[in-house]
Amino acid sequence: MTSLHPQTAAGVCVVLITGLLTACVSEQAALAKRISHVVHMVEERELRSDEHTPWVIMHAAIAFKSDAKVFDAEAREEVEAIEFLLTRAKHDGELLFRVVDGAPALPRDPAVEHHVNQYLMMLALADVSPGRTVFADTGDRYRVSDLIDAAKRGFEDAQEVGWTLVALSTYVSFHDQWTAANRQTYTITNVLSRGIERDPRDEAEGGTHHLFGVAYAFRSYALEHDDLAGVWRETRAYLSEHAHMVRRSQLDDGAFSAGLLKERKEPDSPSDLVFSTGHTLEWLTFALSDDELREPWVKRAVVRLCEEIEQHPLDAFSDGGIYHAVNALRLYSDAALRSK
């Protein structure tokens, strides 16, 4: 057999590597384009204040941030969804925010807010300034900072922490501490430590929002601190453990299990698939490194999610499911498909 001259062999290797890199970049560009198309499909859905609840509009704002728009049927004009929620949205005929103990608060109603600090999480994800105005039903004006203070003051050990961790990790320094109404002193690390003691399978919606909050706090902290010790090292292990559970239960077609972390289960409907795969991908975008997100098993889930959304009308999906799926796809694209 004729052997190649060393320089020739080196040249062949360079050509092969260049070809592989070009193919990889081309594949990533194609996937980014596909995700952009799916996102645009959902973004085109019209939101109206006389047809969609504040809860639905809030989910659109999670997916599209300040780009989300809603038609205010009362004022007969299209406005930014976040501005609408903070100053115009109504529940039971009154403005959304009520005054409780001198601070703006939301009714815990399925049409408004299912979980504590859910709106505050939305505002954090959309980079809304703490100085942004909030209108209350009393006619008083508050600021987002008042919502942040109320979240800190109202924290209790037994409450759900996923949404709160996102808000606190965005608006509060990791070095800060505060005293809640229960007279206990907390830091974000204290809140996180309570979160990683819990089994996500016992949390709401299969633990996906719980893990999103934990992963978001971890990623935010890791961006500011090189040394991960104590609770933060334990958190990395906690997230890794549950990411492995997701991978082990991934379905043959690439979708994530409809049983979430509890069992390997096929989805019962397109809505079921988009809900479970979208919610799972969403927290993985913060729990995994950018390189891990580029691994084939994650990419298979992304492709399967896009495929399902492309194949069905948008009314085949739940409001929460489709908007969380879009948020997951946008986060994935930003992390895994941007130019390195």
Protein backbone atom coordinates (compact mmCIF):
# COMPACT_ATOMS: atom_id res chain seq x y z
CA MET A 1 0.00 0.00 0.00
CA THR A 2 1.31 3.42 -0.95
CA SER A 3 1.70 5.75 2.02
CA LEU A 4 1.11 9.48 1.78
CA HIS A 5 3.93 11.94 2.18
CA PRO A 6 3.65 13.55 5.67
CA GLN A 7 2.92 16.95 4.16
CA THR A 8 0.28 15.44 1.87
CA ALA A 9 -1.30 13.57 4.78
CA ALA A 10 -1.39 16.76 6.82
CA GLY A 11 -3.05 18.54 3.92
CA VAL A 12 -5.69 15.83 3.64
CA CYS A 13 -6.41 16.12 7.36
CA VAL A 14 -6.81 19.88 7.08
CA VAL A 15 -9.23 19.46 4.19
CA LEU A 16 -11.27 16.85 6.09
CA ILE A 17 -11.43 18.92 9.28
CA THR A 18 -12.32 22.04 7.31
CA GLY A 19 -15.06 20.12 5.55
CA LEU A 20 -16.48 18.80 8.82
CA LEU A 21 -16.43 22.25 10.41
CA THR A 22 -18.14 23.76 7.36
CA ALA A 23 -20.82 21.06 7.48
CA CYS A 24 -21.33 21.63 11.20
CA VAL A 25 -21.67 25.39 10.76
CA SER A 26 -24.07 24.85 7.87
CA GLU A 27 -26.17 22.45 9.96
CA GLN A 28 -26.28 24.92 12.85
CA ALA A 29 -27.31 27.73 10.51
CA ALA A 30 -30.11 25.59 9.10
CA LEU A 31 -31.39 24.75 12.58
CA ALA A 32 -31.21 28.40 13.65
CA LYS A 33 -33.25 29.33 10.58
CA ARG A 34 -35.82 26.64 11.37
CA ILE A 35 -36.16 27.82 14.97
CA SER A 36 -36.56 31.40 13.77
CA HIS A 37 -39.38 30.28 11.45
CA VAL A 38 -41.19 28.46 14.27
CA VAL A 39 -40.80 31.41 16.63
CA HIS A 40 -42.20 33.75 13.98
CA MET A 41 -45.21 31.46 13.47
CA VAL A 42 -46.14 31.76 17.14
CA GLU A 43 -45.29 35.45 17.33
CA GLU A 44 -47.85 36.11 14.59
CA ARG A 45 -50.64 34.85 16.86
CA GLU A 46 -52.88 37.77 17.80
CA LEU A 47 -53.42 38.48 21.48
CA ARG A 48 -56.52 40.40 22.56
CA SER A 49 -57.48 41.58 26.02
CA ASP A 50 -61.11 40.54 25.41
CA GLU A 51 -60.15 37.00 24.40
CA HIS A 52 -57.03 36.13 26.37
CA THR A 53 -56.57 36.19 30.13
CA PRO A 54 -53.71 38.06 31.83
CA TRP A 55 -52.18 34.62 32.49
CA VAL A 56 -51.97 33.92 28.75
CA ILE A 57 -50.61 37.38 27.98
CA MET A 58 -48.01 36.93 30.72
CA HIS A 59 -46.84 33.72 29.04
CA ALA A 60 -46.50 35.51 25.71
CA ALA A 61 -44.32 38.09 27.47
CA ILE A 62 -42.13 35.28 28.82
CA ALA A 63 -41.58 34.07 25.24
CA PHE A 64 -41.23 37.40 23.43
CA LYS A 65 -40.23 39.83 26.20
CA SER A 66 -40.76 43.46 25.22
CA ASP A 67 -41.66 42.44 21.66
CA ALA A 68 -44.92 40.85 22.81
CA LYS A 69 -47.96 42.93 21.85
CA VAL A 70 -51.63 42.76 22.84
CA PHE A 71 -54.68 44.49 21.40
CA ASP A 72 -56.31 46.43 24.23
CA ALA A 73 -59.98 46.06 23.29
CA GLU A 74 -61.10 48.75 25.72
CA ALA A 75 -58.69 51.39 24.42
CA ARG A 76 -58.88 49.96 20.87
CA GLU A 77 -55.13 50.01 20.35
CA GLU A 78 -52.18 47.63 20.29
CA VAL A 79 -49.76 48.04 23.18
CA GLU A 80 -46.70 46.31 24.61
CA ALA A 81 -47.88 43.28 26.57
CA ILE A 82 -45.71 44.08 29.58
CA GLU A 83 -47.00 47.65 29.73
CA PHE A 84 -50.55 46.32 29.45
CA LEU A 85 -50.05 43.88 32.32
CA LEU A 86 -48.46 46.47 34.60
CA THR A 87 -50.84 49.36 33.98
CA ARG A 88 -54.03 48.31 32.15
CA ALA A 89 -54.95 44.66 32.59
CA LYS A 90 -58.04 43.94 34.65
CA HIS A 91 -59.48 41.11 36.71
CA ASP A 92 -63.07 41.12 37.97
CA GLY A 93 -63.50 44.61 36.55
CA GLU A 94 -60.62 46.15 38.48
CA LEU A 95 -56.96 46.74 37.65
CA LEU A 96 -54.87 43.61 38.08
CA PHE A 97 -52.71 44.76 40.99
CA ARG A 98 -54.36 45.13 44.40
CA VAL A 99 -52.81 46.78 47.45
CA VAL A 100 -52.04 44.37 50.29
CA ASP A 101 -50.12 45.57 53.36
CA GLY A 102 -49.11 48.69 51.48
CA ALA A 103 -47.66 46.88 48.47
CA PRO A 104 -48.98 45.84 45.05
CA ALA A 105 -50.08 42.20 44.91
CA LEU A 106 -51.80 39.93 42.41
CA PRO A 107 -54.88 37.78 43.04
CA ARG A 108 -53.93 34.10 43.17
CA ASP A 109 -56.33 33.12 40.44
CA PRO A 110 -55.86 30.73 37.47
CA ALA A 111 -56.68 33.58 35.09
CA VAL A 112 -53.96 35.77 36.61
CA GLU A 113 -51.12 34.10 38.52
CA HIS A 114 -50.89 30.42 39.43
CA HIS A 115 -47.63 30.56 41.35
CA VAL A 116 -46.00 33.00 43.74
CA ASN A 117 -43.84 35.59 41.94
CA GLN A 118 -44.73 34.27 38.48
CA TYR A 119 -45.22 37.79 37.08
CA LEU A 120 -42.03 38.99 38.74
CA MET A 121 -40.16 36.15 37.03
CA MET A 122 -41.59 37.28 33.69
CA LEU A 123 -40.41 40.82 34.33
CA ALA A 124 -36.94 39.57 35.27
CA LEU A 125 -36.63 37.46 32.11
CA ALA A 126 -37.71 40.45 30.02
CA ASP A 127 -35.08 42.74 31.61
CA VAL A 128 -37.74 45.09 32.93
CA SER A 129 -36.26 47.88 35.05
CA PRO A 130 -37.04 47.97 38.79
CA GLY A 131 -38.12 51.56 38.21
CA ARG A 132 -40.94 50.62 35.81
CA THR A 133 -44.37 51.88 36.91
CA VAL A 134 -47.12 49.60 38.25
CA PHE A 135 -50.72 50.82 38.56
CA ALA A 136 -52.88 49.48 41.41
CA ASP A 137 -56.69 49.29 41.59
CA THR A 138 -56.66 51.98 44.33
CA GLY A 139 -55.31 54.53 41.86
CA ASP A 140 -51.89 54.43 43.52
CA ARG A 141 -48.72 54.06 41.47
CA TYR A 142 -45.94 51.74 42.48
CA ARG A 143 -42.78 50.42 40.89
CA VAL A 144 -41.43 46.99 40.03
CA SER A 145 -39.01 47.51 42.91
CA ASP A 146 -42.04 47.36 45.24
CA LEU A 147 -42.85 43.91 43.84
CA ILE A 148 -39.25 42.85 44.48
CA ASP A 149 -39.40 44.09 48.08
CA ALA A 150 -42.71 42.28 48.60
CA ALA A 151 -41.22 39.04 47.26
CA LYS A 152 -38.34 39.28 49.72
CA ARG A 153 -40.59 40.21 52.62
CA GLY A 154 -43.09 37.46 51.85
CA PHE A 155 -40.63 34.61 51.39
CA GLU A 156 -41.38 31.49 53.43
CA ASP A 157 -39.43 28.25 53.66
CA ALA A 158 -42.27 26.10 52.34
CA GLN A 159 -43.16 28.16 49.27
CA GLU A 160 -42.37 27.23 45.68
CA VAL A 161 -38.96 28.63 44.85
CA GLY A 162 -38.57 28.31 41.07
CA TRP A 163 -40.14 31.61 40.07
CA THR A 164 -38.71 33.44 43.08
CA LEU A 165 -35.14 32.30 42.31
CA VAL A 166 -35.30 33.78 38.82
CA ALA A 167 -36.57 37.10 40.15
CA LEU A 168 -34.09 37.31 43.02
CA SER A 169 -31.10 36.26 40.89
CA THR A 170 -31.95 39.05 38.46
CA TYR A 171 -32.82 41.89 40.81
CA VAL A 172 -30.93 41.16 44.05
CA SER A 173 -27.19 40.85 44.66
CA PHE A 174 -25.97 37.43 45.75
CA HIS A 175 -24.26 39.19 48.66
CA ASP A 176 -27.42 40.85 49.95
CA GLN A 177 -29.46 39.57 52.86
CA TRP A 178 -32.94 40.53 54.00
CA THR A 179 -35.36 39.82 56.83
CA ALA A 180 -38.73 38.43 55.79
CA ALA A 181 -42.07 38.87 57.54
CA ASN A 182 -41.45 35.57 59.37
CA ARG A 183 -38.43 37.31 61.01
CA GLN A 184 -35.94 34.96 59.36
CA THR A 185 -32.94 36.33 57.50
CA TYR A 186 -32.26 35.09 53.97
CA THR A 187 -29.86 35.35 51.07
CA ILE A 188 -30.30 33.91 47.59
CA THR A 189 -28.00 31.08 48.66
CA ASN A 190 -30.38 30.27 51.53
CA VAL A 191 -33.33 30.15 49.14
CA LEU A 192 -31.40 27.94 46.72
CA SER A 193 -30.33 25.57 49.49
CA ARG A 194 -34.00 24.92 50.27
CA GLY A 195 -34.65 24.30 46.59
CA ILE A 196 -32.03 21.61 46.09
CA GLU A 197 -33.28 19.72 49.13
CA ARG A 198 -36.51 19.02 47.24
CA ASP A 199 -37.38 16.28 44.79
CA PRO A 200 -38.49 18.10 41.61
CA ARG A 201 -40.97 15.31 40.90
CA ASP A 202 -43.01 16.57 43.84
CA GLU A 203 -43.10 20.13 42.52
CA ALA A 204 -45.60 21.77 40.17
CA GLU A 205 -45.68 20.67 36.51
CA GLY A 206 -43.23 17.86 37.04
CA GLY A 207 -40.60 20.10 38.56
CA THR A 208 -39.72 21.87 35.31
CA HIS A 209 -40.25 25.37 36.70
CA HIS A 210 -38.48 24.42 39.91
CA LEU A 211 -35.45 23.24 37.94
CA PHE A 212 -35.59 26.29 35.69
CA GLY A 213 -35.31 28.56 38.73
CA VAL A 214 -32.49 26.52 40.26
CA ALA A 215 -30.60 26.41 36.94
CA TYR A 216 -31.15 30.11 36.29
CA ALA A 217 -29.78 31.05 39.72
CA PHE A 218 -26.83 28.71 39.25
CA ARG A 219 -25.95 30.12 35.83
CA SER A 220 -26.30 33.70 37.10
CA TYR A 221 -24.00 32.99 40.04
CA ALA A 222 -21.45 31.09 37.92
CA LEU A 223 -21.14 34.05 35.55
CA GLU A 224 -19.99 36.20 38.49
CA HIS A 225 -17.94 33.65 40.47
CA ASP A 226 -15.14 31.37 39.30
CA ASP A 227 -15.05 29.28 42.47
CA LEU A 228 -18.15 27.16 43.03
CA ALA A 229 -18.18 25.83 46.57
CA GLY A 230 -20.71 24.69 49.14
CA VAL A 231 -24.33 25.01 48.03
CA TRP A 232 -23.28 26.10 44.54
CA ARG A 233 -21.21 22.98 43.97
CA GLU A 234 -24.10 20.88 45.28
CA THR A 235 -26.43 22.70 42.91
CA ARG A 236 -24.27 21.80 39.93
CA ALA A 237 -24.46 18.14 40.95
CA TYR A 238 -28.24 18.44 41.51
CA LEU A 239 -28.77 19.80 38.01
CA SER A 240 -26.45 17.23 36.45
CA GLU A 241 -28.31 14.40 38.15
CA HIS A 242 -31.67 15.53 36.80
CA ALA A 243 -30.30 16.27 33.32
CA HIS A 244 -29.08 12.65 33.20
CA MET A 245 -32.58 11.53 34.19
CA VAL A 246 -34.00 13.47 31.25
CA ARG A 247 -31.50 11.93 28.85
CA ARG A 248 -32.16 8.39 30.07
CA SER A 249 -35.91 8.77 29.55
CA GLN A 250 -35.69 10.51 26.15
CA LEU A 251 -38.01 8.95 23.58
CA ASP A 252 -36.83 7.23 20.41
CA ASP A 253 -38.00 10.09 18.18
CA GLY A 254 -36.02 12.65 20.18
CA ALA A 255 -38.87 14.12 22.21
CA PHE A 256 -38.46 14.37 25.95
CA SER A 257 -40.67 12.13 28.05
CA ALA A 258 -44.27 13.22 28.56
CA GLY A 259 -43.83 11.77 32.06
CA LEU A 260 -41.13 14.39 32.64
CA LEU A 261 -38.88 13.13 35.45
CA LYS A 262 -41.32 10.56 36.81
CA GLU A 263 -41.35 8.00 34.00
CA ARG A 264 -40.56 7.35 30.34
CA LYS A 265 -43.86 8.03 28.63
CA GLU A 266 -45.06 8.72 25.09
CA PRO A 267 -47.15 11.90 24.67
CA ASP A 268 -50.89 11.53 24.26
CA SER A 269 -51.23 14.45 21.84
CA PRO A 270 -49.27 17.16 20.00
CA SER A 271 -50.08 19.48 22.91
CA ASP A 272 -48.65 16.96 25.36
CA LEU A 273 -45.41 16.64 23.37
CA VAL A 274 -44.89 20.39 23.01
CA PHE A 275 -45.64 20.95 26.69
CA SER A 276 -43.23 18.31 28.02
CA THR A 277 -40.41 18.75 25.52
CA GLY A 278 -40.65 22.55 25.63
CA HIS A 279 -40.73 22.79 29.42
CA THR A 280 -37.83 20.34 29.74
CA LEU A 281 -35.68 22.02 27.09
CA GLU A 282 -36.33 25.35 28.79
CA TRP A 283 -34.61 24.44 32.04
CA LEU A 284 -31.87 22.49 30.27
CA THR A 285 -30.79 25.66 28.44
CA PHE A 286 -29.57 26.99 31.78
CA ALA A 287 -28.54 23.70 33.39
CA LEU A 288 -26.22 22.59 30.56
CA SER A 289 -23.16 24.32 29.18
CA ASP A 290 -23.28 25.70 25.64
CA ASP A 291 -21.16 22.76 24.43
CA GLU A 292 -23.48 20.27 26.13
CA LEU A 293 -26.46 21.90 24.44
CA ARG A 294 -24.80 21.20 21.07
CA GLU A 295 -24.71 17.46 21.79
CA PRO A 296 -26.81 15.30 19.45
CA TRP A 297 -29.33 14.17 22.09
CA VAL A 298 -30.35 17.76 22.84
CA LYS A 299 -30.41 18.71 19.17
CA ARG A 300 -32.73 15.78 18.45
CA ALA A 301 -35.22 17.15 20.98
CA VAL A 302 -35.01 20.62 19.43
CA VAL A 303 -35.66 19.26 15.93
CA ARG A 304 -38.57 17.14 17.18
CA LEU A 305 -40.11 20.13 18.97
CA CYS A 306 -39.86 22.30 15.85
CA GLU A 307 -41.35 19.51 13.76
CA GLU A 308 -44.38 19.13 16.02
CA ILE A 309 -45.13 22.86 16.06
CA GLU A 310 -44.76 23.06 12.26
CA GLN A 311 -47.18 20.19 11.65
CA HIS A 312 -50.20 21.50 13.58
CA PRO A 313 -52.28 24.67 13.93
CA LEU A 314 -51.41 26.71 17.00
CA ASP A 315 -54.75 26.01 18.65
CA ALA A 316 -53.66 22.38 18.96
CA PHE A 317 -51.34 23.43 21.79
CA SER A 318 -51.97 24.78 25.27
CA ASP A 319 -51.14 28.46 25.83
CA GLY A 320 -48.57 27.72 28.51
CA GLY A 321 -47.07 24.87 26.50
CA ILE A 322 -46.54 26.75 23.26
CA TYR A 323 -45.12 29.89 24.85
CA HIS A 324 -42.72 27.99 27.08
CA ALA A 325 -41.65 25.95 24.05
CA VAL A 326 -40.90 29.13 22.11
CA ASN A 327 -38.94 30.54 25.05
CA ALA A 328 -36.95 27.30 25.20
CA LEU A 329 -36.19 27.42 21.47
CA ARG A 330 -35.04 31.03 21.65
CA LEU A 331 -32.83 30.33 24.67
CA TYR A 332 -31.39 27.26 22.93
CA SER A 333 -30.65 29.18 19.75
CA ASP A 334 -28.92 31.98 21.68
CA ALA A 335 -26.78 29.55 23.65
CA ALA A 336 -25.99 26.73 21.22
CA LEU A 337 -26.27 28.20 17.74
CA ARG A 338 -24.71 31.63 18.03
CA SER A 339 -21.34 32.16 16.40
CA LYS A 340 -18.53 31.00 18.68
